[in-house]
């Protein structure tokens, strides 16, 4: 875990883990750790090959393509 932030995790009134930088909350500590180490304050890393859509998680890109560009996706043989 070299170079990663390790600190006492704060919780909100519902017991969810709270990001000290932006205030987003997460049910699980692992979700907060993912957010702090790879997302919070960082620009999106994943770009749609068909439009200007960008996202911070790769898992968000596939549903976007399926919903917005299904016909293009199928034509390229990715389905």
PDB file of N, CA and C in Angstrom:
ATOM      1  N   UNK A   1       0.816  -1.193   0.000  1.00  0.00           N
ATOM      2  CA  UNK A   1       0.000   0.000   0.000  1.00  0.00           C
ATOM      3  C   UNK A   1       0.856   1.252   0.000  1.00  0.00           C
ATOM      4  N   UNK A   2       2.018   1.160  -0.506  1.00  0.00           N
ATOM      5  CA  UNK A   2       2.919   2.290  -0.543  1.00  0.00           C
ATOM      6  C   UNK A   2       2.328   3.401  -1.399  1.00  0.00           C
ATOM      7  N   UNK A   3       2.340   4.627  -0.878  1.00  0.00           N
ATOM      8  CA  UNK A   3       1.845   5.765  -1.630  1.00  0.00           C
ATOM      9  C   UNK A   3       0.351   5.981  -1.517  1.00  0.00           C
ATOM     10  N   UNK A   4      -0.348   5.127  -0.811  1.00  0.00           N
ATOM     11  CA  UNK A   4      -1.790   5.273  -0.665  1.00  0.00           C
ATOM     12  C   UNK A   4      -2.116   5.860   0.695  1.00  0.00           C
ATOM     13  N   UNK A   5      -3.225   6.556   0.755  1.00  0.00           N
ATOM     14  CA  UNK A   5      -3.628   7.224   1.987  1.00  0.00           C
ATOM     15  C   UNK A   5      -4.238   6.201   2.947  1.00  0.00           C
ATOM     16  N   UNK A   6      -3.720   6.151   4.151  1.00  0.00           N
ATOM     17  CA  UNK A   6      -4.275   5.292   5.190  1.00  0.00           C
ATOM     18  C   UNK A   6      -4.617   6.200   6.361  1.00  0.00           C
ATOM     19  N   UNK A   7      -5.878   6.292   6.713  1.00  0.00           N
ATOM     20  CA  UNK A   7      -6.299   7.178   7.784  1.00  0.00           C
ATOM     21  C   UNK A   7      -7.521   6.607   8.472  1.00  0.00           C
ATOM     22  N   UNK A   8      -7.863   7.174   9.623  1.00  0.00           N
ATOM     23  CA  UNK A   8      -9.057   6.754  10.343  1.00  0.00           C
ATOM     24  C   UNK A   8     -10.271   7.172   9.509  1.00  0.00           C
ATOM     25  N   UNK A   9     -11.137   6.229   9.251  1.00  0.00           N
ATOM     26  CA  UNK A   9     -12.288   6.498   8.402  1.00  0.00           C
ATOM     27  C   UNK A   9     -13.430   7.112   9.206  1.00  0.00           C
ATOM     28  N   UNK A  10     -13.966   8.227   8.721  1.00  0.00           N
ATOM     29  CA  UNK A  10     -15.099   8.886   9.354  1.00  0.00           C
ATOM     30  C   UNK A  10     -16.383   8.263   8.816  1.00  0.00           C
ATOM     31  N   UNK A  11     -17.435   8.333   9.609  1.00  0.00           N
ATOM     32  CA  UNK A  11     -18.741   7.809   9.189  1.00  0.00           C
ATOM     33  C   UNK A  11     -19.812   8.884   9.358  1.00  0.00           C
ATOM     34  N   UNK A  12     -20.846   8.789   8.516  1.00  0.00           N
ATOM     35  CA  UNK A  12     -21.952   9.733   8.642  1.00  0.00           C
ATOM     36  C   UNK A  12     -22.961   9.207   9.662  1.00  0.00           C
ATOM     37  N   UNK A  13     -24.097   9.890   9.797  1.00  0.00           N
ATOM     38  CA  UNK A  13     -25.102   9.520  10.798  1.00  0.00           C
ATOM     39  C   UNK A  13     -25.750   8.160  10.524  1.00  0.00           C
ATOM     40  N   UNK A  14     -25.661   7.676   9.283  1.00  0.00           N
ATOM     41  CA  UNK A  14     -26.215   6.368   8.934  1.00  0.00           C
ATOM     42  C   UNK A  14     -25.174   5.260   9.021  1.00  0.00           C
ATOM     43  N   UNK A  15     -23.957   5.609   9.436  1.00  0.00           N
ATOM     44  CA  UNK A  15     -22.899   4.619   9.563  1.00  0.00           C
ATOM     45  C   UNK A  15     -22.138   4.360   8.277  1.00  0.00           C
ATOM     46  N   UNK A  16     -22.405   5.160   7.252  1.00  0.00           N
ATOM     47  CA  UNK A  16     -21.702   4.991   5.979  1.00  0.00           C
ATOM     48  C   UNK A  16     -20.340   5.670   6.048  1.00  0.00           C
ATOM     49  N   UNK A  17     -19.382   5.157   5.288  1.00  0.00           N
ATOM     50  CA  UNK A  17     -18.028   5.698   5.271  1.00  0.00           C
ATOM     51  C   UNK A  17     -17.997   6.986   4.453  1.00  0.00           C
ATOM     52  N   UNK A  18     -17.401   8.027   5.004  1.00  0.00           N
ATOM     53  CA  UNK A  18     -17.430   9.374   4.440  1.00  0.00           C
ATOM     54  C   UNK A  18     -16.064   9.776   3.901  1.00  0.00           C
ATOM     55  N   UNK A  19     -16.040  10.252   2.648  1.00  0.00           N
ATOM     56  CA  UNK A  19     -14.801  10.752   2.067  1.00  0.00           C
ATOM     57  C   UNK A  19     -14.481  12.106   2.688  1.00  0.00           C
ATOM     58  N   UNK A  20     -13.282  12.252   3.254  1.00  0.00           N
ATOM     59  CA  UNK A  20     -12.925  13.531   3.875  1.00  0.00           C
ATOM     60  C   UNK A  20     -12.676  14.655   2.865  1.00  0.00           C
ATOM     61  N   UNK A  21     -12.453  14.311   1.593  1.00  0.00           N
ATOM     62  CA  UNK A  21     -12.180  15.328   0.578  1.00  0.00           C
ATOM     63  C   UNK A  21     -13.449  15.901  -0.042  1.00  0.00           C
ATOM     64  N   UNK A  22     -14.387  15.019  -0.434  1.00  0.00           N
ATOM     65  CA  UNK A  22     -15.547  15.497  -1.190  1.00  0.00           C
ATOM     66  C   UNK A  22     -16.896  15.236  -0.509  1.00  0.00           C
ATOM     67  N   UNK A  23     -16.922  14.411   0.524  1.00  0.00           N
ATOM     68  CA  UNK A  23     -18.165  14.166   1.243  1.00  0.00           C
ATOM     69  C   UNK A  23     -19.020  13.018   0.724  1.00  0.00           C
ATOM     70  N   UNK A  24     -18.596  12.341  -0.349  1.00  0.00           N
ATOM     71  CA  UNK A  24     -19.353  11.196  -0.837  1.00  0.00           C
ATOM     72  C   UNK A  24     -19.333  10.098   0.217  1.00  0.00           C
ATOM     73  N   UNK A  25     -20.408   9.319   0.282  1.00  0.00           N
ATOM     74  CA  UNK A  25     -20.477   8.251   1.277  1.00  0.00           C
ATOM     75  C   UNK A  25     -20.571   6.890   0.601  1.00  0.00           C
ATOM     76  N   UNK A  26     -20.089   5.878   1.322  1.00  0.00           N
ATOM     77  CA  UNK A  26     -20.051   4.512   0.814  1.00  0.00           C
ATOM     78  C   UNK A  26     -20.474   3.550   1.906  1.00  0.00           C
ATOM     79  N   UNK A  27     -21.214   2.535   1.521  1.00  0.00           N
ATOM     80  CA  UNK A  27     -21.682   1.532   2.464  1.00  0.00           C
ATOM     81  C   UNK A  27     -20.517   0.716   3.025  1.00  0.00           C
ATOM     82  N   UNK A  28     -19.532   0.436   2.169  1.00  0.00           N
ATOM     83  CA  UNK A  28     -18.402  -0.389   2.572  1.00  0.00           C
ATOM     84  C   UNK A  28     -17.104   0.407   2.537  1.00  0.00           C
ATOM     85  N   UNK A  29     -16.194   0.092   3.444  1.00  0.00           N
ATOM     86  CA  UNK A  29     -14.899   0.753   3.514  1.00  0.00           C
ATOM     87  C   UNK A  29     -14.114   0.535   2.228  1.00  0.00           C
ATOM     88  N   UNK A  30     -14.268  -0.638   1.605  1.00  0.00           N
ATOM     89  CA  UNK A  30     -13.553  -0.917   0.354  1.00  0.00           C
ATOM     90  C   UNK A  30     -13.988   0.032  -0.763  1.00  0.00           C
ATOM     91  N   UNK A  31     -15.263   0.400  -0.778  1.00  0.00           N
ATOM     92  CA  UNK A  31     -15.753   1.366  -1.767  1.00  0.00           C
ATOM     93  C   UNK A  31     -15.128   2.732  -1.565  1.00  0.00           C
ATOM     94  N   UNK A  32     -15.009   3.139  -0.298  1.00  0.00           N
ATOM     95  CA  UNK A  32     -14.373   4.412   0.003  1.00  0.00           C
ATOM     96  C   UNK A  32     -12.891   4.373  -0.371  1.00  0.00           C
ATOM     97  N   UNK A  33     -12.218   3.278  -0.085  1.00  0.00           N
ATOM     98  CA  UNK A  33     -10.799   3.155  -0.435  1.00  0.00           C
ATOM     99  C   UNK A  33     -10.598   3.257  -1.944  1.00  0.00           C
ATOM    100  N   UNK A  34     -11.449   2.584  -2.712  1.00  0.00           N
ATOM    101  CA  UNK A  34     -11.394   2.648  -4.182  1.00  0.00           C
ATOM    102  C   UNK A  34     -11.563   4.098  -4.633  1.00  0.00           C
ATOM    103  N   UNK A  35     -12.533   4.771  -4.057  1.00  0.00           N
ATOM    104  CA  UNK A  35     -12.824   6.163  -4.401  1.00  0.00           C
ATOM    105  C   UNK A  35     -11.627   7.071  -4.108  1.00  0.00           C
ATOM    106  N   UNK A  36     -11.059   6.957  -2.916  1.00  0.00           N
ATOM    107  CA  UNK A  36      -9.939   7.815  -2.516  1.00  0.00           C
ATOM    108  C   UNK A  36      -8.700   7.548  -3.368  1.00  0.00           C
ATOM    109  N   UNK A  37      -8.392   6.288  -3.613  1.00  0.00           N
ATOM    110  CA  UNK A  37      -7.160   5.942  -4.318  1.00  0.00           C
ATOM    111  C   UNK A  37      -7.224   6.090  -5.832  1.00  0.00           C
ATOM    112  N   UNK A  38      -8.427   6.031  -6.417  1.00  0.00           N
ATOM    113  CA  UNK A  38      -8.511   6.019  -7.879  1.00  0.00           C
ATOM    114  C   UNK A  38      -9.466   7.036  -8.494  1.00  0.00           C
ATOM    115  N   UNK A  39     -10.287   7.706  -7.699  1.00  0.00           N
ATOM    116  CA  UNK A  39     -11.307   8.566  -8.289  1.00  0.00           C
ATOM    117  C   UNK A  39     -11.328   9.999  -7.771  1.00  0.00           C
ATOM    118  N   UNK A  40     -11.312  10.191  -6.457  1.00  0.00           N
ATOM    119  CA  UNK A  40     -11.549  11.507  -5.857  1.00  0.00           C
ATOM    120  C   UNK A  40     -10.507  12.530  -6.322  1.00  0.00           C
ATOM    121  N   UNK A  41     -10.980  13.578  -6.955  1.00  0.00           N
ATOM    122  CA  UNK A  41     -10.110  14.651  -7.411  1.00  0.00           C
ATOM    123  C   UNK A  41      -9.316  14.326  -8.662  1.00  0.00           C
ATOM    124  N   UNK A  42      -9.571  13.181  -9.271  1.00  0.00           N
ATOM    125  CA  UNK A  42      -8.835  12.776 -10.474  1.00  0.00           C
ATOM    126  C   UNK A  42      -9.738  12.877 -11.694  1.00  0.00           C
ATOM    127  N   UNK A  43      -9.162  13.179 -12.850  1.00  0.00           N
ATOM    128  CA  UNK A  43      -9.985  13.250 -14.061  1.00  0.00           C
ATOM    129  C   UNK A  43     -10.421  11.851 -14.505  1.00  0.00           C
ATOM    130  N   UNK A  44     -11.518  11.749 -15.247  1.00  0.00           N
ATOM    131  CA  UNK A  44     -11.957  10.450 -15.763  1.00  0.00           C
ATOM    132  C   UNK A  44     -10.877   9.817 -16.646  1.00  0.00           C
ATOM    133  N   UNK A  45     -10.733   8.490 -16.550  1.00  0.00           N
ATOM    134  CA  UNK A  45      -9.694   7.773 -17.295  1.00  0.00           C
ATOM    135  C   UNK A  45     -10.231   7.006 -18.502  1.00  0.00           C
ATOM    136  N   UNK A  46     -11.527   6.732 -18.524  1.00  0.00           N
ATOM    137  CA  UNK A  46     -12.078   5.865 -19.559  1.00  0.00           C
ATOM    138  C   UNK A  46     -12.964   6.655 -20.506  1.00  0.00           C
ATOM    139  N   UNK A  47     -12.679   6.560 -21.822  1.00  0.00           N
ATOM    140  CA  UNK A  47     -13.402   7.305 -22.847  1.00  0.00           C
ATOM    141  C   UNK A  47     -14.137   6.361 -23.780  1.00  0.00           C
ATOM    142  N   UNK A  48     -15.362   6.723 -24.103  1.00  0.00           N
ATOM    143  CA  UNK A  48     -16.154   5.965 -25.058  1.00  0.00           C
ATOM    144  C   UNK A  48     -15.527   6.114 -26.444  1.00  0.00           C
ATOM    145  N   UNK A  49     -15.361   5.003 -27.181  1.00  0.00           N
ATOM    146  CA  UNK A  49     -14.777   5.095 -28.515  1.00  0.00           C
ATOM    147  C   UNK A  49     -15.742   5.671 -29.568  1.00  0.00           C
ATOM    148  N   UNK A  50     -17.007   5.862 -29.192  1.00  0.00           N
ATOM    149  CA  UNK A  50     -18.016   6.321 -30.145  1.00  0.00           C
ATOM    150  C   UNK A  50     -18.496   7.756 -29.919  1.00  0.00           C
ATOM    151  N   UNK A  51     -18.241   8.326 -28.722  1.00  0.00           N
ATOM    152  CA  UNK A  51     -18.689   9.696 -28.445  1.00  0.00           C
ATOM    153  C   UNK A  51     -17.764  10.325 -27.405  1.00  0.00           C
ATOM    154  N   UNK A  52     -18.153  11.474 -26.892  1.00  0.00           N
ATOM    155  CA  UNK A  52     -17.306  12.216 -25.953  1.00  0.00           C
ATOM    156  C   UNK A  52     -17.495  11.792 -24.497  1.00  0.00           C
ATOM    157  N   UNK A  53     -18.315  10.792 -24.236  1.00  0.00           N
ATOM    158  CA  UNK A  53     -18.560  10.328 -22.870  1.00  0.00           C
ATOM    159  C   UNK A  53     -17.274   9.835 -22.213  1.00  0.00           C
ATOM    160  N   UNK A  54     -17.037  10.258 -20.973  1.00  0.00           N
ATOM    161  CA  UNK A  54     -15.893   9.786 -20.182  1.00  0.00           C
ATOM    162  C   UNK A  54     -16.388   9.404 -18.792  1.00  0.00           C
ATOM    163  N   UNK A  55     -15.693   8.451 -18.157  1.00  0.00           N
ATOM    164  CA  UNK A  55     -16.078   8.018 -16.819  1.00  0.00           C
ATOM    165  C   UNK A  55     -14.836   7.605 -16.030  1.00  0.00           C
ATOM    166  N   UNK A  56     -14.997   7.515 -14.740  1.00  0.00           N
ATOM    167  CA  UNK A  56     -13.877   7.188 -13.863  1.00  0.00           C
ATOM    168  C   UNK A  56     -13.724   5.695 -13.628  1.00  0.00           C
ATOM    169  N   UNK A  57     -14.773   4.921 -13.907  1.00  0.00           N
ATOM    170  CA  UNK A  57     -14.710   3.481 -13.703  1.00  0.00           C
ATOM    171  C   UNK A  57     -14.981   2.755 -15.013  1.00  0.00           C
ATOM    172  N   UNK A  58     -14.158   1.755 -15.306  1.00  0.00           N
ATOM    173  CA  UNK A  58     -14.324   0.977 -16.528  1.00  0.00           C
ATOM    174  C   UNK A  58     -15.685   0.279 -16.544  1.00  0.00           C
ATOM    175  N   UNK A  59     -16.151  -0.087 -15.366  1.00  0.00           N
ATOM    176  CA  UNK A  59     -17.437  -0.791 -15.274  1.00  0.00           C
ATOM    177  C   UNK A  59     -18.613   0.094 -15.694  1.00  0.00           C
ATOM    178  N   UNK A  60     -18.435   1.393 -15.757  1.00  0.00           N
ATOM    179  CA  UNK A  60     -19.499   2.303 -16.206  1.00  0.00           C
ATOM    180  C   UNK A  60     -19.521   2.449 -17.721  1.00  0.00           C
ATOM    181  N   UNK A  61     -18.446   2.108 -18.383  1.00  0.00           N
ATOM    182  CA  UNK A  61     -18.341   2.320 -19.819  1.00  0.00           C
ATOM    183  C   UNK A  61     -19.158   1.303 -20.626  1.00  0.00           C
ATOM    184  N   UNK A  62     -19.108   0.041 -20.251  1.00  0.00           N
ATOM    185  CA  UNK A  62     -19.822  -0.991 -21.010  1.00  0.00           C
ATOM    186  C   UNK A  62     -21.340  -0.763 -21.028  1.00  0.00           C
ATOM    187  N   UNK A  63     -21.981  -0.455 -19.889  1.00  0.00           N
ATOM    188  CA  UNK A  63     -23.422  -0.164 -19.943  1.00  0.00           C
ATOM    189  C   UNK A  63     -23.747   1.071 -20.786  1.00  0.00           C
ATOM    190  N   UNK A  64     -22.868   2.069 -20.751  1.00  0.00           N
ATOM    191  CA  UNK A  64     -23.071   3.258 -21.582  1.00  0.00           C
ATOM    192  C   UNK A  64     -23.088   2.871 -23.058  1.00  0.00           C
ATOM    193  N   UNK A  65     -22.090   2.096 -23.479  1.00  0.00           N
ATOM    194  CA  UNK A  65     -21.993   1.683 -24.880  1.00  0.00           C
ATOM    195  C   UNK A  65     -23.199   0.832 -25.270  1.00  0.00           C
ATOM    196  N   UNK A  66     -23.590  -0.082 -24.399  1.00  0.00           N
ATOM    197  CA  UNK A  66     -24.746  -0.940 -24.694  1.00  0.00           C
ATOM    198  C   UNK A  66     -26.028  -0.124 -24.830  1.00  0.00           C
ATOM    199  N   UNK A  67     -26.190   0.898 -24.001  1.00  0.00           N
ATOM    200  CA  UNK A  67     -27.408   1.705 -24.028  1.00  0.00           C
ATOM    201  C   UNK A  67     -27.424   2.738 -25.145  1.00  0.00           C
ATOM    202  N   UNK A  68     -26.306   3.374 -25.387  1.00  0.00           N
ATOM    203  CA  UNK A  68     -26.265   4.491 -26.336  1.00  0.00           C
ATOM    204  C   UNK A  68     -25.773   4.133 -27.731  1.00  0.00           C
ATOM    205  N   UNK A  69     -24.975   3.087 -27.842  1.00  0.00           N
ATOM    206  CA  UNK A  69     -24.350   2.761 -29.123  1.00  0.00           C
ATOM    207  C   UNK A  69     -24.505   1.287 -29.483  1.00  0.00           C
ATOM    208  N   UNK A  70     -25.592   0.661 -29.064  1.00  0.00           N
ATOM    209  CA  UNK A  70     -25.762  -0.780 -29.264  1.00  0.00           C
ATOM    210  C   UNK A  70     -25.576  -1.195 -30.723  1.00  0.00           C
ATOM    211  N   UNK A  71     -26.160  -0.441 -31.623  1.00  0.00           N
ATOM    212  CA  UNK A  71     -26.065  -0.798 -33.048  1.00  0.00           C
ATOM    213  C   UNK A  71     -24.604  -0.768 -33.519  1.00  0.00           C
ATOM    214  N   UNK A  72     -23.853   0.260 -33.170  1.00  0.00           N
ATOM    215  CA  UNK A  72     -22.436   0.347 -33.534  1.00  0.00           C
ATOM    216  C   UNK A  72     -21.642  -0.783 -32.893  1.00  0.00           C
ATOM    217  N   UNK A  73     -21.948  -1.079 -31.650  1.00  0.00           N
ATOM    218  CA  UNK A  73     -21.244  -2.118 -30.893  1.00  0.00           C
ATOM    219  C   UNK A  73     -21.434  -3.490 -31.564  1.00  0.00           C
ATOM    220  N   UNK A  74     -22.657  -3.780 -31.982  1.00  0.00           N
ATOM    221  CA  UNK A  74     -22.965  -5.055 -32.642  1.00  0.00           C
ATOM    222  C   UNK A  74     -22.287  -5.118 -34.017  1.00  0.00           C
ATOM    223  N   UNK A  75     -22.300  -4.021 -34.750  1.00  0.00           N
ATOM    224  CA  UNK A  75     -21.697  -3.993 -36.086  1.00  0.00           C
ATOM    225  C   UNK A  75     -20.196  -4.263 -36.041  1.00  0.00           C
ATOM    226  N   UNK A  76     -19.560  -3.886 -34.941  1.00  0.00           N
ATOM    227  CA  UNK A  76     -18.131  -4.123 -34.804  1.00  0.00           C
ATOM    228  C   UNK A  76     -17.834  -5.540 -34.305  1.00  0.00           C
ATOM    229  N   UNK A  77     -18.873  -6.322 -34.046  1.00  0.00           N
ATOM    230  CA  UNK A  77     -18.683  -7.697 -33.608  1.00  0.00           C
ATOM    231  C   UNK A  77     -18.280  -7.838 -32.164  1.00  0.00           C
ATOM    232  N   UNK A  78     -18.693  -6.904 -31.336  1.00  0.00           N
ATOM    233  CA  UNK A  78     -18.315  -6.933 -29.922  1.00  0.00           C
ATOM    234  C   UNK A  78     -19.394  -7.561 -29.060  1.00  0.00           C
ATOM    235  N   UNK A  79     -20.527  -7.919 -29.604  1.00  0.00           N
ATOM    236  CA  UNK A  79     -21.639  -8.438 -28.824  1.00  0.00           C
ATOM    237  C   UNK A  79     -21.568  -9.934 -28.663  1.00  0.00           C
TER     238      UNK A  79
END
